[in-house]
Amino acid sequence: MSTALLTDLTIFILALLVGIEVIGKVPATLHTPLMSATNAIHGIVLVGAVLIGVTAHNAVGYVIAFIASFFAGANVVGGYVVTGRMLKMFRRKSPQAQGQVPEQVPEQVGAQPELAAANGHKGLKGLVSRMNRTGS
């Protein structure tokens, strides 16, 4: 094994260990925003993996380049999929788009009709006013 290959393998393994350590410390609630925000970094990693493949002169270098480009590509695609799902959560849903006739009661249109019907307010304010009316 040449010295350059040993150096490259050492850097690769150390980067892998540092990445695992850093990601392991992130709480589960932050994985989705972090993944969608780091698409550019994954793109840079993909470029680095391609550069490893270009400069490789033996089978081990090609295998490492393939593995690195596969994982970087998976991160890029996964990041965009997660970002798309996050943005889809914030879109308004229209009853006409689903082919349904809108209901006559405007307070009950939405994801939580039991809270929407509470004095016309959603969320905590509607829940509190509903509790005050029922006396519980």
N, C-alpha and C. Protein backbone atom coordinates (compact mmCIF):
# COMPACT_ATOMS: atom_id res chain seq x y z
N MET A 1 0.84 -1.18 0.00
CA MET A 1 0.00 0.00 0.00
C MET A 1 0.89 1.24 0.00
N SER A 2 0.52 2.20 -0.81
CA SER A 2 1.32 3.41 -0.89
C SER A 2 0.98 4.36 0.25
N THR A 3 1.86 5.30 0.47
CA THR A 3 1.66 6.27 1.55
C THR A 3 0.45 7.17 1.25
N ALA A 4 0.26 7.55 0.01
CA ALA A 4 -0.87 8.42 -0.36
C ALA A 4 -2.19 7.70 -0.13
N LEU A 5 -2.24 6.42 -0.47
CA LEU A 5 -3.48 5.66 -0.27
C LEU A 5 -3.76 5.50 1.22
N LEU A 6 -2.73 5.25 1.99
CA LEU A 6 -2.91 5.11 3.44
C LEU A 6 -3.38 6.43 4.06
N THR A 7 -2.85 7.53 3.57
CA THR A 7 -3.29 8.85 4.05
C THR A 7 -4.75 9.10 3.69
N ASP A 8 -5.12 8.78 2.44
CA ASP A 8 -6.51 8.97 2.01
C ASP A 8 -7.47 8.10 2.82
N LEU A 9 -7.11 6.86 3.06
CA LEU A 9 -7.95 5.97 3.86
C LEU A 9 -8.09 6.47 5.29
N THR A 10 -7.00 6.98 5.86
CA THR A 10 -7.04 7.51 7.22
C THR A 10 -7.98 8.71 7.30
N ILE A 11 -7.87 9.62 6.34
CA ILE A 11 -8.75 10.80 6.30
C ILE A 11 -10.20 10.37 6.13
N PHE A 12 -10.44 9.39 5.26
CA PHE A 12 -11.80 8.90 5.02
C PHE A 12 -12.40 8.30 6.29
N ILE A 13 -11.64 7.47 6.99
CA ILE A 13 -12.14 6.83 8.20
C ILE A 13 -12.34 7.85 9.32
N LEU A 14 -11.42 8.79 9.45
CA LEU A 14 -11.59 9.84 10.47
C LEU A 14 -12.80 10.72 10.18
N ALA A 15 -13.01 11.06 8.91
CA ALA A 15 -14.20 11.85 8.54
C ALA A 15 -15.47 11.07 8.82
N LEU A 16 -15.45 9.77 8.57
CA LEU A 16 -16.61 8.93 8.86
C LEU A 16 -16.91 8.92 10.35
N LEU A 17 -15.90 8.77 11.17
CA LEU A 17 -16.09 8.73 12.62
C LEU A 17 -16.56 10.08 13.17
N VAL A 18 -16.00 11.16 12.66
CA VAL A 18 -16.43 12.49 13.09
C VAL A 18 -17.89 12.74 12.68
N GLY A 19 -18.25 12.33 11.47
CA GLY A 19 -19.63 12.49 11.02
C GLY A 19 -20.61 11.72 11.87
N ILE A 20 -20.26 10.49 12.21
CA ILE A 20 -21.14 9.68 13.07
C ILE A 20 -21.27 10.33 14.44
N GLU A 21 -20.19 10.83 14.98
CA GLU A 21 -20.21 11.46 16.30
C GLU A 21 -21.06 12.73 16.30
N VAL A 22 -20.93 13.53 15.26
CA VAL A 22 -21.68 14.79 15.18
C VAL A 22 -23.17 14.51 15.01
N ILE A 23 -23.53 13.61 14.11
CA ILE A 23 -24.94 13.31 13.86
C ILE A 23 -25.56 12.61 15.06
N GLY A 24 -24.78 11.81 15.77
CA GLY A 24 -25.31 11.12 16.95
C GLY A 24 -25.69 12.06 18.07
N LYS A 25 -25.12 13.24 18.11
CA LYS A 25 -25.41 14.21 19.17
C LYS A 25 -26.61 15.10 18.86
N VAL A 26 -27.13 15.05 17.64
CA VAL A 26 -28.24 15.90 17.24
C VAL A 26 -29.55 15.26 17.70
N PRO A 27 -30.43 16.01 18.37
CA PRO A 27 -31.73 15.45 18.77
C PRO A 27 -32.58 15.09 17.55
N ALA A 28 -33.46 14.14 17.72
CA ALA A 28 -34.27 13.64 16.60
C ALA A 28 -35.16 14.73 16.00
N THR A 29 -35.58 15.70 16.80
CA THR A 29 -36.46 16.75 16.28
C THR A 29 -35.73 17.70 15.34
N LEU A 30 -34.42 17.71 15.36
CA LEU A 30 -33.66 18.62 14.50
C LEU A 30 -33.15 17.96 13.23
N HIS A 31 -33.31 16.65 13.08
CA HIS A 31 -32.77 15.99 11.90
C HIS A 31 -33.40 16.50 10.61
N THR A 32 -34.72 16.71 10.59
CA THR A 32 -35.38 17.14 9.36
C THR A 32 -34.95 18.54 8.93
N PRO A 33 -34.95 19.55 9.82
CA PRO A 33 -34.48 20.87 9.36
C PRO A 33 -33.01 20.87 8.98
N LEU A 34 -32.20 20.11 9.70
CA LEU A 34 -30.78 20.08 9.35
C LEU A 34 -30.55 19.41 8.01
N MET A 35 -31.31 18.37 7.72
CA MET A 35 -31.12 17.67 6.46
C MET A 35 -31.53 18.54 5.29
N SER A 36 -32.61 19.27 5.44
CA SER A 36 -33.04 20.12 4.33
C SER A 36 -32.14 21.33 4.17
N ALA A 37 -31.49 21.76 5.23
CA ALA A 37 -30.63 22.95 5.14
C ALA A 37 -29.23 22.63 4.63
N THR A 38 -28.86 21.37 4.58
CA THR A 38 -27.49 21.03 4.20
C THR A 38 -27.39 20.40 2.83
N ASN A 39 -28.33 20.66 1.95
CA ASN A 39 -28.25 20.10 0.60
C ASN A 39 -27.01 20.61 -0.15
N ALA A 40 -26.64 21.85 0.08
CA ALA A 40 -25.46 22.39 -0.60
C ALA A 40 -24.19 21.69 -0.12
N ILE A 41 -24.12 21.38 1.16
CA ILE A 41 -22.94 20.68 1.68
C ILE A 41 -22.87 19.29 1.08
N HIS A 42 -24.01 18.61 0.94
CA HIS A 42 -24.00 17.28 0.34
C HIS A 42 -23.59 17.35 -1.12
N GLY A 43 -23.95 18.43 -1.79
CA GLY A 43 -23.51 18.62 -3.17
C GLY A 43 -22.00 18.77 -3.26
N ILE A 44 -21.41 19.47 -2.30
CA ILE A 44 -19.95 19.62 -2.27
C ILE A 44 -19.29 18.27 -1.99
N VAL A 45 -19.90 17.48 -1.11
CA VAL A 45 -19.37 16.14 -0.83
C VAL A 45 -19.43 15.29 -2.09
N LEU A 46 -20.50 15.43 -2.86
CA LEU A 46 -20.61 14.68 -4.11
C LEU A 46 -19.52 15.07 -5.10
N VAL A 47 -19.23 16.36 -5.19
CA VAL A 47 -18.13 16.82 -6.05
C VAL A 47 -16.80 16.25 -5.56
N GLY A 48 -16.59 16.23 -4.25
CA GLY A 48 -15.36 15.64 -3.71
C GLY A 48 -15.25 14.16 -4.02
N ALA A 49 -16.36 13.45 -3.96
CA ALA A 49 -16.34 12.02 -4.28
C ALA A 49 -15.99 11.79 -5.75
N VAL A 50 -16.50 12.65 -6.62
CA VAL A 50 -16.15 12.53 -8.04
C VAL A 50 -14.68 12.83 -8.25
N LEU A 51 -14.15 13.82 -7.53
CA LEU A 51 -12.73 14.13 -7.64
C LEU A 51 -11.86 12.98 -7.15
N ILE A 52 -12.31 12.28 -6.12
CA ILE A 52 -11.58 11.09 -5.66
C ILE A 52 -11.55 10.05 -6.77
N GLY A 53 -12.68 9.87 -7.44
CA GLY A 53 -12.73 8.90 -8.54
C GLY A 53 -11.85 9.29 -9.71
N VAL A 54 -11.73 10.58 -9.99
CA VAL A 54 -10.88 11.04 -11.10
C VAL A 54 -9.41 10.82 -10.79
N THR A 55 -9.02 11.04 -9.54
CA THR A 55 -7.60 10.92 -9.19
C THR A 55 -7.21 9.51 -8.77
N ALA A 56 -8.16 8.59 -8.69
CA ALA A 56 -7.84 7.22 -8.28
C ALA A 56 -7.10 6.49 -9.40
N HIS A 57 -6.15 5.66 -8.99
CA HIS A 57 -5.37 4.91 -9.98
C HIS A 57 -5.39 3.41 -9.71
N ASN A 58 -6.22 2.98 -8.76
CA ASN A 58 -6.31 1.55 -8.47
C ASN A 58 -7.74 1.20 -8.06
N ALA A 59 -7.98 -0.07 -7.85
CA ALA A 59 -9.34 -0.54 -7.56
C ALA A 59 -9.86 -0.02 -6.22
N VAL A 60 -8.99 0.09 -5.22
CA VAL A 60 -9.43 0.56 -3.90
C VAL A 60 -9.92 2.00 -4.00
N GLY A 61 -9.22 2.82 -4.73
CA GLY A 61 -9.64 4.21 -4.92
C GLY A 61 -10.97 4.32 -5.64
N TYR A 62 -11.18 3.46 -6.64
CA TYR A 62 -12.45 3.47 -7.35
C TYR A 62 -13.60 3.02 -6.45
N VAL A 63 -13.35 2.02 -5.62
CA VAL A 63 -14.39 1.54 -4.70
C VAL A 63 -14.74 2.63 -3.69
N ILE A 64 -13.73 3.28 -3.13
CA ILE A 64 -13.98 4.37 -2.17
C ILE A 64 -14.74 5.51 -2.85
N ALA A 65 -14.36 5.85 -4.07
CA ALA A 65 -15.07 6.92 -4.79
C ALA A 65 -16.51 6.53 -5.06
N PHE A 66 -16.75 5.27 -5.42
CA PHE A 66 -18.12 4.83 -5.68
C PHE A 66 -18.95 4.90 -4.40
N ILE A 67 -18.40 4.41 -3.29
CA ILE A 67 -19.14 4.42 -2.02
C ILE A 67 -19.43 5.86 -1.59
N ALA A 68 -18.43 6.73 -1.69
CA ALA A 68 -18.61 8.13 -1.30
C ALA A 68 -19.64 8.83 -2.17
N SER A 69 -19.58 8.59 -3.49
CA SER A 69 -20.55 9.24 -4.37
C SER A 69 -21.96 8.68 -4.17
N PHE A 70 -22.08 7.39 -3.85
CA PHE A 70 -23.39 6.81 -3.59
C PHE A 70 -24.02 7.44 -2.36
N PHE A 71 -23.25 7.52 -1.26
CA PHE A 71 -23.81 8.10 -0.04
C PHE A 71 -24.08 9.59 -0.19
N ALA A 72 -23.21 10.31 -0.88
CA ALA A 72 -23.44 11.74 -1.10
C ALA A 72 -24.68 11.96 -1.97
N GLY A 73 -24.84 11.15 -3.00
CA GLY A 73 -26.03 11.25 -3.84
C GLY A 73 -27.30 10.94 -3.07
N ALA A 74 -27.24 9.92 -2.21
CA ALA A 74 -28.40 9.59 -1.39
C ALA A 74 -28.74 10.73 -0.44
N ASN A 75 -27.73 11.40 0.09
CA ASN A 75 -27.98 12.55 0.97
C ASN A 75 -28.61 13.71 0.22
N VAL A 76 -28.15 13.96 -1.00
CA VAL A 76 -28.71 15.06 -1.79
C VAL A 76 -30.18 14.77 -2.11
N VAL A 77 -30.46 13.57 -2.60
CA VAL A 77 -31.83 13.23 -2.95
C VAL A 77 -32.72 13.22 -1.71
N GLY A 78 -32.23 12.63 -0.63
CA GLY A 78 -33.00 12.60 0.62
C GLY A 78 -33.27 13.98 1.16
N GLY A 79 -32.31 14.88 1.04
CA GLY A 79 -32.51 16.25 1.51
C GLY A 79 -33.61 16.95 0.74
N TYR A 80 -33.62 16.78 -0.58
CA TYR A 80 -34.67 17.41 -1.36
C TYR A 80 -36.04 16.77 -1.12
N VAL A 81 -36.08 15.48 -0.88
CA VAL A 81 -37.35 14.83 -0.57
C VAL A 81 -37.91 15.34 0.76
N VAL A 82 -37.04 15.44 1.76
CA VAL A 82 -37.47 15.94 3.06
C VAL A 82 -37.92 17.39 2.97
N THR A 83 -37.19 18.19 2.21
CA THR A 83 -37.58 19.60 2.03
C THR A 83 -38.94 19.69 1.34
N GLY A 84 -39.16 18.86 0.35
CA GLY A 84 -40.46 18.85 -0.32
C GLY A 84 -41.59 18.47 0.61
N ARG A 85 -41.35 17.49 1.48
CA ARG A 85 -42.38 17.11 2.45
C ARG A 85 -42.65 18.23 3.45
N MET A 86 -41.58 18.89 3.89
CA MET A 86 -41.76 19.99 4.84
C MET A 86 -42.56 21.12 4.21
N LEU A 87 -42.25 21.48 2.97
CA LEU A 87 -42.98 22.56 2.30
C LEU A 87 -44.42 22.16 2.02
N LYS A 88 -44.66 20.89 1.77
CA LYS A 88 -46.02 20.41 1.52
C LYS A 88 -46.89 20.53 2.76
N MET A 89 -46.29 20.43 3.94
CA MET A 89 -47.06 20.55 5.18
C MET A 89 -47.64 21.95 5.36
N PHE A 90 -47.02 22.96 4.76
CA PHE A 90 -47.45 24.33 4.97
C PHE A 90 -48.38 24.84 3.86
N ARG A 91 -48.74 23.99 2.91
CA ARG A 91 -49.67 24.40 1.86
C ARG A 91 -51.09 24.35 2.39
N ARG A 92 -51.89 25.28 1.92
CA ARG A 92 -53.31 25.27 2.29
C ARG A 92 -54.04 24.26 1.45
N LYS A 93 -54.97 23.58 2.08
CA LYS A 93 -55.77 22.58 1.37
C LYS A 93 -57.11 23.20 1.02
N SER A 94 -57.43 23.21 -0.27
CA SER A 94 -58.71 23.76 -0.69
C SER A 94 -59.68 22.62 -0.95
N PRO A 95 -60.93 22.75 -0.49
CA PRO A 95 -61.91 21.68 -0.71
C PRO A 95 -62.24 21.49 -2.19
N GLN A 96 -62.17 22.54 -3.01
CA GLN A 96 -62.49 22.43 -4.42
C GLN A 96 -61.44 21.59 -5.15
N ALA A 97 -60.19 21.62 -4.71
CA ALA A 97 -59.13 20.87 -5.37
C ALA A 97 -59.33 19.37 -5.21
N GLN A 98 -60.01 18.96 -4.15
CA GLN A 98 -60.23 17.55 -3.92
C GLN A 98 -61.51 17.06 -4.59
N GLY A 99 -62.25 17.94 -5.24
CA GLY A 99 -63.46 17.56 -5.92
C GLY A 99 -64.66 17.45 -5.00
N GLN A 100 -64.58 18.05 -3.83
CA GLN A 100 -65.67 18.00 -2.87
C GLN A 100 -66.34 19.36 -2.78
N VAL A 101 -67.59 19.35 -2.42
CA VAL A 101 -68.33 20.59 -2.21
C VAL A 101 -68.00 21.08 -0.81
N PRO A 102 -67.65 22.34 -0.62
CA PRO A 102 -67.33 22.82 0.72
C PRO A 102 -68.56 22.77 1.62
N GLU A 103 -68.33 22.48 2.87
CA GLU A 103 -69.42 22.38 3.84
C GLU A 103 -70.00 23.77 4.11
N GLN A 104 -71.24 23.80 4.58
CA GLN A 104 -71.93 25.06 4.82
C GLN A 104 -71.46 25.74 6.10
N VAL A 105 -70.85 24.98 7.03
CA VAL A 105 -70.39 25.54 8.28
C VAL A 105 -68.92 25.92 8.11
N PRO A 106 -68.58 27.22 8.04
CA PRO A 106 -67.19 27.60 7.77
C PRO A 106 -66.25 27.29 8.92
N GLU A 107 -66.76 27.15 10.13
CA GLU A 107 -65.86 26.89 11.26
C GLU A 107 -65.31 25.47 11.23
N GLN A 108 -66.02 24.57 10.55
CA GLN A 108 -65.60 23.18 10.58
C GLN A 108 -64.70 22.81 9.42
N VAL A 109 -64.30 23.75 8.61
CA VAL A 109 -63.36 23.47 7.54
C VAL A 109 -61.96 23.54 8.13
N GLY A 110 -61.20 22.50 8.00
CA GLY A 110 -59.85 22.48 8.52
C GLY A 110 -59.50 21.11 9.04
N ALA A 111 -58.32 21.00 9.60
CA ALA A 111 -57.83 19.71 10.05
C ALA A 111 -58.43 19.29 11.38
N GLN A 112 -58.89 20.26 12.21
CA GLN A 112 -59.40 19.94 13.54
C GLN A 112 -60.78 20.59 13.70
N PRO A 113 -61.85 19.94 13.22
CA PRO A 113 -63.16 20.58 13.29
C PRO A 113 -63.66 20.79 14.71
N GLU A 114 -63.25 19.93 15.64
CA GLU A 114 -63.73 20.12 17.02
C GLU A 114 -63.13 21.37 17.65
N LEU A 115 -61.92 21.74 17.25
CA LEU A 115 -61.34 22.98 17.76
C LEU A 115 -61.81 24.19 16.96
N ALA A 116 -62.06 24.00 15.67
CA ALA A 116 -62.51 25.11 14.84
C ALA A 116 -63.91 25.55 15.22
N ALA A 117 -64.73 24.63 15.67
CA ALA A 117 -66.10 24.97 16.03
C ALA A 117 -66.16 25.66 17.38
N ALA A 118 -65.07 25.70 18.09
CA ALA A 118 -65.06 26.32 19.42
C ALA A 118 -64.96 27.82 19.27
N ASN A 119 -66.12 28.48 19.18
CA ASN A 119 -66.22 29.93 19.12
C ASN A 119 -65.50 30.50 17.89
N GLY A 120 -65.33 29.72 16.85
CA GLY A 120 -64.72 30.21 15.64
C GLY A 120 -63.21 30.35 15.70
N HIS A 121 -62.58 29.91 16.77
CA HIS A 121 -61.15 30.04 16.91
C HIS A 121 -60.50 28.66 16.94
N LYS A 122 -59.34 28.56 16.36
CA LYS A 122 -58.58 27.33 16.41
C LYS A 122 -57.53 27.44 17.50
N GLY A 123 -57.01 26.32 17.87
CA GLY A 123 -55.88 26.29 18.79
C GLY A 123 -56.29 26.48 20.23
N LEU A 124 -55.37 27.02 20.99
CA LEU A 124 -55.55 27.15 22.43
C LEU A 124 -56.70 28.08 22.80
N LYS A 125 -56.86 29.19 22.08
CA LYS A 125 -57.92 30.15 22.39
C LYS A 125 -59.29 29.50 22.21
N GLY A 126 -59.49 28.75 21.13
CA GLY A 126 -60.75 28.07 20.92
C GLY A 126 -61.01 26.99 21.94
N LEU A 127 -59.95 26.26 22.32
CA LEU A 127 -60.11 25.21 23.32
C LEU A 127 -60.49 25.78 24.67
N VAL A 128 -59.86 26.91 25.06
CA VAL A 128 -60.18 27.54 26.34
C VAL A 128 -61.61 28.06 26.33
N SER A 129 -62.04 28.69 25.25
CA SER A 129 -63.41 29.22 25.20
C SER A 129 -64.42 28.06 25.21
N ARG A 130 -64.08 26.95 24.59
CA ARG A 130 -64.98 25.79 24.60
C ARG A 130 -65.08 25.20 26.00
N MET A 131 -63.95 25.14 26.70
CA MET A 131 -63.96 24.62 28.07
C MET A 131 -64.77 25.54 28.98
N ASN A 132 -64.69 26.85 28.77
CA ASN A 132 -65.45 27.79 29.59
C ASN A 132 -66.95 27.64 29.35
N ARG A 133 -67.34 27.34 28.11
CA ARG A 133 -68.77 27.17 27.80
C ARG A 133 -69.34 25.90 28.39
N THR A 134 -68.52 24.82 28.38
CA THR A 134 -69.02 23.54 28.88
C THR A 134 -68.89 23.43 30.39
N GLY A 135 -68.08 24.26 30.99
CA GLY A 135 -67.91 24.25 32.46
C GLY A 135 -66.97 23.17 32.96
N SER A 136 -66.12 22.62 32.11
CA SER A 136 -65.19 21.59 32.59
C SER A 136 -63.85 22.13 32.93
